[in-house]
Amino acid sequence: MNKVTIIGIAGGTGSGKTTVVRKIVESLPPHHVAVVPLDSYYNDTSHMTEEERHAINFDHPDAFDWKLLVRHVNELREGRAVEQPTYSYLKCNRLPETVHVEPKPVIIVEGIMTLLNKKLRDMMDLKIFVDCDSDERLIRNIQRDIIDRGRTVSMVVERYLKVLKPMHEQFIEPTKRYADVIIPQGGDNLKGIGIICKYIEGIVPHED
């Protein structure tokens, strides 16, 4: 396998990271990209009680199994497949099932804090921060959490003010300084995303 290009995509919850990832995947040849979501690498909480699990702050760096994530990204970079964990927000724990991920020419590591860990950053060829107005992120969180997680508007707003906003300001926003590229206006910035896609097409070795 030729050189593997590793791209890190970070940004706050609801900033548009998923849109950026999708556009990059669409701009490259089929089956050219493996996506490694940070959300799959929350810590195993099997040893905890249900009450302890539900008290976890999922927006704090300590909630993630960084050691496993770094190992998996390194293995993919070296051409070895990995068994990616799967996580249930309902159970607040890993599921028994894993996802088999084959090494690809491009590995995208995507999540709120992917630029926080130095070992992870050091493996990245391109570091992207998806920036978005805090009001926009709140609106997207309300829309997503009501539909996907069955929460009420007041529950989402309370969580945003007590957890998401302070964690964003303390841990996520400061990682902007590590980014090679910052995309303002989040997933709505199609011109900015298009420029990044063209750049990535140029640095990724294409198969003949």
Protein backbone atom coordinates (compact mmCIF):
# COMPACT_ATOMS: atom_id res chain seq x y z
CA MET A 1 0.00 0.00 0.00
CA ASN A 2 1.25 3.50 -0.87
CA LYS A 3 1.56 6.28 1.68
CA VAL A 4 -1.56 6.73 3.76
CA THR A 5 -2.87 10.30 4.12
CA ILE A 6 -4.34 11.00 7.55
CA ILE A 7 -6.76 13.91 7.92
CA GLY A 8 -8.04 15.18 11.27
CA ILE A 9 -11.36 17.03 11.34
CA ALA A 10 -12.37 18.74 14.59
CA GLY A 11 -14.98 21.28 15.66
CA GLY A 12 -17.80 21.78 18.12
CA THR A 13 -20.92 19.65 18.34
CA GLY A 14 -23.24 20.67 15.49
CA SER A 15 -20.54 22.60 13.59
CA GLY A 16 -20.92 20.65 10.34
CA LYS A 17 -18.06 18.14 10.60
CA THR A 18 -20.19 15.36 9.10
CA THR A 19 -20.93 17.51 6.03
CA VAL A 20 -17.21 18.22 5.54
CA VAL A 21 -16.36 14.51 5.85
CA ARG A 22 -19.08 13.57 3.35
CA LYS A 23 -17.86 16.13 0.80
CA ILE A 24 -14.26 14.90 1.08
CA VAL A 25 -15.36 11.27 0.67
CA GLU A 26 -17.45 12.23 -2.39
CA SER A 27 -14.51 14.08 -3.98
CA LEU A 28 -12.23 11.02 -3.91
CA PRO A 29 -12.46 7.72 -5.81
CA PRO A 30 -14.87 5.10 -4.39
CA HIS A 31 -13.58 2.99 -1.49
CA HIS A 32 -10.65 5.39 -1.08
CA VAL A 33 -11.45 6.59 2.45
CA ALA A 34 -11.83 5.05 5.90
CA VAL A 35 -13.56 7.24 8.49
CA VAL A 36 -12.61 6.83 12.15
CA PRO A 37 -15.16 8.67 14.35
CA LEU A 38 -13.99 9.80 17.78
CA ASP A 39 -17.52 9.00 19.02
CA SER A 40 -16.75 5.28 18.63
CA TYR A 41 -13.90 5.54 21.11
CA TYR A 42 -15.64 6.43 24.35
CA ASN A 43 -14.24 4.46 27.27
CA ASP A 44 -15.53 1.01 28.10
CA THR A 45 -17.82 1.51 31.12
CA SER A 46 -18.70 -2.13 31.81
CA HIS A 47 -17.25 -1.86 35.33
CA MET A 48 -19.58 1.04 36.22
CA THR A 49 -23.10 1.05 37.62
CA GLU A 50 -25.89 2.39 35.40
CA GLU A 51 -26.08 5.50 37.56
CA GLU A 52 -22.34 6.13 37.16
CA ARG A 53 -22.56 5.67 33.40
CA HIS A 54 -25.34 8.21 33.04
CA ALA A 55 -23.29 10.73 35.02
CA ILE A 56 -20.44 10.65 32.46
CA ASN A 57 -19.57 13.96 30.81
CA PHE A 58 -19.24 12.87 27.16
CA ASP A 59 -17.80 16.28 26.24
CA HIS A 60 -14.72 15.95 28.46
CA PRO A 61 -11.41 14.54 27.15
CA ASP A 62 -11.36 11.92 29.93
CA ALA A 63 -14.43 10.25 28.38
CA PHE A 64 -12.36 8.94 25.45
CA ASP A 65 -10.06 5.93 25.09
CA TRP A 66 -7.22 7.87 23.46
CA LYS A 67 -4.75 5.01 23.77
CA LEU A 68 -6.93 2.67 21.69
CA LEU A 69 -7.72 5.38 19.13
CA VAL A 70 -4.04 6.26 18.62
CA ARG A 71 -3.18 2.56 18.27
CA HIS A 72 -5.93 1.96 15.71
CA VAL A 73 -5.00 4.99 13.59
CA ASN A 74 -1.37 3.90 13.67
CA GLU A 75 -2.30 0.35 12.63
CA LEU A 76 -4.40 1.66 9.72
CA ARG A 77 -1.50 3.88 8.71
CA GLU A 78 0.76 0.82 8.65
CA GLY A 79 -1.68 -1.10 6.46
CA ARG A 80 -3.38 -3.28 9.08
CA ALA A 81 -7.14 -3.62 9.53
CA VAL A 82 -8.72 -2.82 12.92
CA GLU A 83 -11.87 -3.76 14.82
CA GLN A 84 -13.44 -0.40 15.63
CA PRO A 85 -15.59 -0.27 18.78
CA THR A 86 -19.26 0.68 18.60
CA TYR A 87 -20.89 2.80 21.28
CA SER A 88 -24.47 3.14 22.50
CA TYR A 89 -25.58 6.50 23.91
CA LEU A 90 -28.66 4.78 25.34
CA LYS A 91 -26.60 2.25 27.33
CA CYS A 92 -23.68 4.67 27.84
CA ASN A 93 -21.35 1.81 27.05
CA ARG A 94 -19.66 -0.05 24.23
CA LEU A 95 -21.63 -2.69 22.41
CA PRO A 96 -20.30 -6.23 21.89
CA GLU A 97 -20.23 -5.67 18.12
CA THR A 98 -17.24 -4.09 16.40
CA VAL A 99 -16.85 -2.61 12.91
CA HIS A 100 -14.14 -4.09 10.69
CA VAL A 101 -12.17 -1.21 9.14
CA GLU A 102 -9.75 -1.91 6.31
CA PRO A 103 -6.77 0.40 5.67
CA LYS A 104 -7.39 2.90 2.86
CA PRO A 105 -5.29 5.54 1.06
CA VAL A 106 -7.07 8.20 3.15
CA ILE A 107 -7.94 7.92 6.85
CA ILE A 108 -10.24 10.62 8.25
CA VAL A 109 -10.30 10.96 12.04
CA GLU A 110 -13.40 13.00 12.89
CA GLY A 111 -14.73 14.29 16.19
CA ILE A 112 -15.03 17.21 18.57
CA MET A 113 -11.54 16.82 20.05
CA THR A 114 -9.48 15.10 17.37
CA LEU A 115 -6.88 17.89 17.49
CA LEU A 116 -6.50 17.72 21.27
CA ASN A 117 -4.27 14.65 21.48
CA LYS A 118 -0.64 15.34 20.48
CA LYS A 119 0.15 11.74 19.46
CA LEU A 120 -2.87 11.82 17.14
CA ARG A 121 -1.95 15.25 15.74
CA ASP A 122 1.58 14.11 15.00
CA MET A 123 0.22 11.41 12.68
CA MET A 124 -1.95 13.82 10.69
CA ASP A 125 -1.01 15.16 7.25
CA LEU A 126 -3.81 17.74 7.32
CA LYS A 127 -5.62 19.19 10.34
CA ILE A 128 -8.98 20.90 9.79
CA PHE A 129 -11.12 22.81 12.29
CA VAL A 130 -14.77 23.32 11.33
CA ASP A 131 -15.84 26.61 12.89
CA CYS A 132 -19.44 27.65 13.36
CA ASP A 133 -21.41 30.33 15.19
CA SER A 134 -22.49 29.13 18.66
CA ASP A 135 -26.15 29.99 17.97
CA GLU A 136 -26.09 27.83 14.84
CA ARG A 137 -24.56 24.95 16.78
CA LEU A 138 -27.25 25.25 19.47
CA ILE A 139 -30.03 25.15 16.84
CA ARG A 140 -28.49 22.05 15.23
CA ASN A 141 -28.12 20.38 18.62
CA ILE A 142 -31.77 21.05 19.40
CA GLN A 143 -32.88 19.63 16.05
CA ARG A 144 -30.64 16.55 16.31
CA ASP A 145 -31.19 15.68 19.97
CA ILE A 146 -34.97 16.00 19.79
CA ILE A 147 -35.12 13.70 16.75
CA ASP A 148 -32.31 11.24 17.51
CA ARG A 149 -32.21 11.14 21.31
CA GLY A 150 -35.77 11.92 22.33
CA ARG A 151 -34.89 15.00 24.37
CA THR A 152 -37.07 18.08 24.89
CA VAL A 153 -35.99 21.60 23.88
CA SER A 154 -35.50 22.60 27.52
CA MET A 155 -33.34 19.50 28.16
CA VAL A 156 -31.13 20.28 25.15
CA VAL A 157 -30.76 23.97 26.08
CA GLU A 158 -29.92 23.11 29.70
CA ARG A 159 -27.29 20.57 28.58
CA TYR A 160 -25.86 23.11 26.13
CA LEU A 161 -25.47 25.81 28.79
CA LYS A 162 -24.20 23.52 31.57
CA VAL A 163 -22.03 21.09 29.60
CA LEU A 164 -21.52 21.72 25.88
CA LYS A 165 -20.74 25.44 26.02
CA PRO A 166 -18.19 25.34 28.89
CA MET A 167 -16.53 22.18 27.52
CA HIS A 168 -16.35 23.74 24.05
CA GLU A 169 -14.70 26.88 25.41
CA GLN A 170 -12.28 24.94 27.63
CA PHE A 171 -11.23 22.06 25.38
CA ILE A 172 -12.46 22.35 21.78
CA GLU A 173 -12.09 26.02 20.80
CA PRO A 174 -8.40 26.17 21.91
CA THR A 175 -7.50 23.34 19.49
CA LYS A 176 -8.15 25.73 16.60
CA ARG A 177 -4.54 26.84 16.94
CA TYR A 178 -3.36 23.39 15.82
CA ALA A 179 -5.39 23.47 12.59
CA ASP A 180 -3.76 23.91 9.18
CA VAL A 181 -7.11 25.10 7.84
CA ILE A 182 -10.15 26.62 9.58
CA ILE A 183 -13.49 26.43 7.77
CA PRO A 184 -15.71 29.33 8.88
CA GLN A 185 -19.52 28.96 8.71
CA GLY A 186 -19.19 25.23 9.24
CA GLY A 187 -20.79 22.80 6.84
CA ASP A 188 -22.55 25.64 4.99
CA ASN A 189 -19.26 26.97 3.58
CA LEU A 190 -19.35 25.02 0.33
CA LYS A 191 -16.63 27.14 -1.32
CA GLY A 192 -14.24 26.56 1.56
CA ILE A 193 -15.02 22.84 1.64
CA GLY A 194 -14.56 22.68 -2.14
CA ILE A 195 -11.08 24.24 -1.91
CA ILE A 196 -10.08 21.71 0.75
CA CYS A 197 -11.41 18.82 -1.36
CA LYS A 198 -9.30 20.00 -4.32
CA TYR A 199 -6.23 20.26 -2.10
CA ILE A 200 -6.78 16.73 -0.74
CA GLU A 201 -7.26 15.36 -4.27
CA GLY A 202 -3.83 16.81 -5.08
CA ILE A 203 -1.97 15.28 -2.12
CA VAL A 204 -3.54 11.82 -2.25
CA PRO A 205 -1.77 9.33 -4.52
CA HIS A 206 -4.24 8.04 -7.12
CA GLU A 207 -4.18 4.46 -8.30
CA ASP A 208 -3.46 4.02 -11.99
